Amino acid sequence: MAGTKGAPMPWDQANIQWDSNPYTWDDVFFILEVVGGGGLTYLEQHPEKKKRFIQLLCKVQGEEYIEKKEVKEVKIFIKDLALVAKEVAGIDLKVKL
């Protein structure tokens, strides 16, 4: 994904309906960073970003996220990444096996 320096894509080139989108540009930028960085591998290499991904996943799934206790071993699956990428950034991930 090409774009302005430091951003995966300029906001005006994103395939997003901003007037009806519940996500912030920061959410979109974050998921583009994860997808462009290697997806699940990126999250494994940057464990500090996993928590933010889980918060965003809960938001996409319509669940209220209230941090009470941190669970270190939450499993994230490629279907979770694909769901968040599609809902937040309009990216339809295709998985090749």
Protein backbone atom coordinates (compact mmCIF):
# COMPACT_ATOMS: atom_id res chain seq x y z
CA MET A 1 0.00 0.00 0.00
CA ALA A 2 1.49 3.23 -1.08
CA GLY A 3 0.69 6.61 0.28
CA THR A 4 2.05 9.56 2.12
CA LYS A 5 5.22 9.08 4.13
CA GLY A 6 4.42 7.36 7.41
CA ALA A 7 0.86 6.40 6.41
CA PRO A 8 -0.23 3.31 4.44
CA MET A 9 -2.63 5.44 2.39
CA PRO A 10 -3.89 9.02 2.41
CA TRP A 11 -7.27 9.41 4.12
CA ASP A 12 -8.91 10.79 0.97
CA GLN A 13 -7.95 7.63 -0.97
CA ALA A 14 -9.36 5.20 1.60
CA ASN A 15 -12.42 3.22 0.51
CA ILE A 16 -14.45 4.31 3.54
CA GLN A 17 -17.79 6.06 3.97
CA TRP A 18 -16.75 8.58 6.63
CA ASP A 19 -20.24 9.92 7.33
CA SER A 20 -21.51 6.53 8.54
CA ASN A 21 -18.27 5.00 9.82
CA PRO A 22 -18.02 4.46 13.61
CA TYR A 23 -14.23 4.11 13.39
CA THR A 24 -11.64 6.85 13.67
CA TRP A 25 -8.86 7.49 11.16
CA ASP A 26 -6.53 6.24 13.91
CA ASP A 27 -8.41 2.90 13.92
CA VAL A 28 -8.13 2.68 10.13
CA PHE A 29 -4.43 3.61 10.17
CA PHE A 30 -3.79 1.00 12.87
CA ILE A 31 -5.46 -1.87 10.99
CA LEU A 32 -3.65 -0.88 7.78
CA GLU A 33 -0.40 -0.97 9.77
CA VAL A 34 -1.22 -4.48 11.03
CA VAL A 35 -2.31 -5.81 7.63
CA GLY A 36 0.60 -4.17 5.80
CA GLY A 37 3.05 -5.37 8.44
CA GLY A 38 2.20 -9.05 8.07
CA GLY A 39 -1.07 -9.55 9.97
CA LEU A 40 -0.88 -12.15 12.72
CA THR A 41 2.91 -12.32 12.44
CA TYR A 42 3.05 -8.56 13.01
CA LEU A 43 0.91 -8.87 16.14
CA GLU A 44 3.17 -11.67 17.44
CA GLN A 45 6.23 -9.51 16.83
CA HIS A 46 4.58 -6.46 18.49
CA PRO A 47 2.74 -7.82 21.55
CA GLU A 48 2.04 -4.28 22.81
CA LYS A 49 -0.28 -3.80 19.80
CA LYS A 50 -2.23 -7.03 20.39
CA LYS A 51 -4.30 -5.43 23.17
CA ARG A 52 -5.33 -2.58 20.88
CA PHE A 53 -6.30 -5.08 18.17
CA ILE A 54 -8.47 -6.99 20.66
CA GLN A 55 -10.21 -3.73 21.66
CA LEU A 56 -10.88 -2.97 17.99
CA LEU A 57 -12.09 -6.54 17.35
CA CYS A 58 -14.58 -6.20 20.22
CA LYS A 59 -15.80 -2.89 18.77
CA VAL A 60 -16.29 -4.50 15.34
CA GLN A 61 -18.20 -7.40 16.89
CA GLY A 62 -20.41 -4.98 18.79
CA GLU A 63 -19.13 -6.05 22.20
CA GLU A 64 -18.45 -3.57 24.96
CA TYR A 65 -14.82 -3.70 26.00
CA ILE A 66 -14.22 -2.82 29.62
CA GLU A 67 -10.71 -3.58 30.78
CA LYS A 68 -10.82 -5.34 34.13
CA LYS A 69 -8.25 -8.09 33.90
CA GLU A 70 -5.56 -8.57 31.32
CA VAL A 71 -5.41 -12.05 29.84
CA LYS A 72 -2.03 -12.63 28.22
CA GLU A 73 -2.84 -15.66 26.09
CA VAL A 74 -5.74 -14.49 23.93
CA LYS A 75 -5.67 -16.25 20.57
CA ILE A 76 -6.30 -14.17 17.48
CA PHE A 77 -7.21 -15.97 14.29
CA ILE A 78 -6.87 -14.92 10.66
CA LYS A 79 -10.69 -14.71 10.43
CA ASP A 80 -10.56 -12.06 13.21
CA LEU A 81 -7.97 -10.08 11.28
CA ALA A 82 -10.00 -10.39 8.06
CA LEU A 83 -13.18 -9.24 9.85
CA VAL A 84 -11.55 -6.17 11.38
CA ALA A 85 -9.74 -5.25 8.16
CA LYS A 86 -12.99 -5.40 6.18
CA GLU A 87 -15.13 -3.56 8.72
CA VAL A 88 -12.64 -0.86 9.70
CA ALA A 89 -10.62 -0.25 6.54
CA GLY A 90 -12.73 -1.78 3.76
CA ILE A 91 -10.00 -4.33 2.95
CA ASP A 92 -11.20 -7.75 1.81
CA LEU A 93 -8.36 -10.10 2.78
CA LYS A 94 -7.95 -13.28 0.77
CA VAL A 95 -6.09 -16.09 2.49
CA LYS A 96 -4.02 -18.45 0.35
CA LEU A 97 -3.10 -21.79 1.83
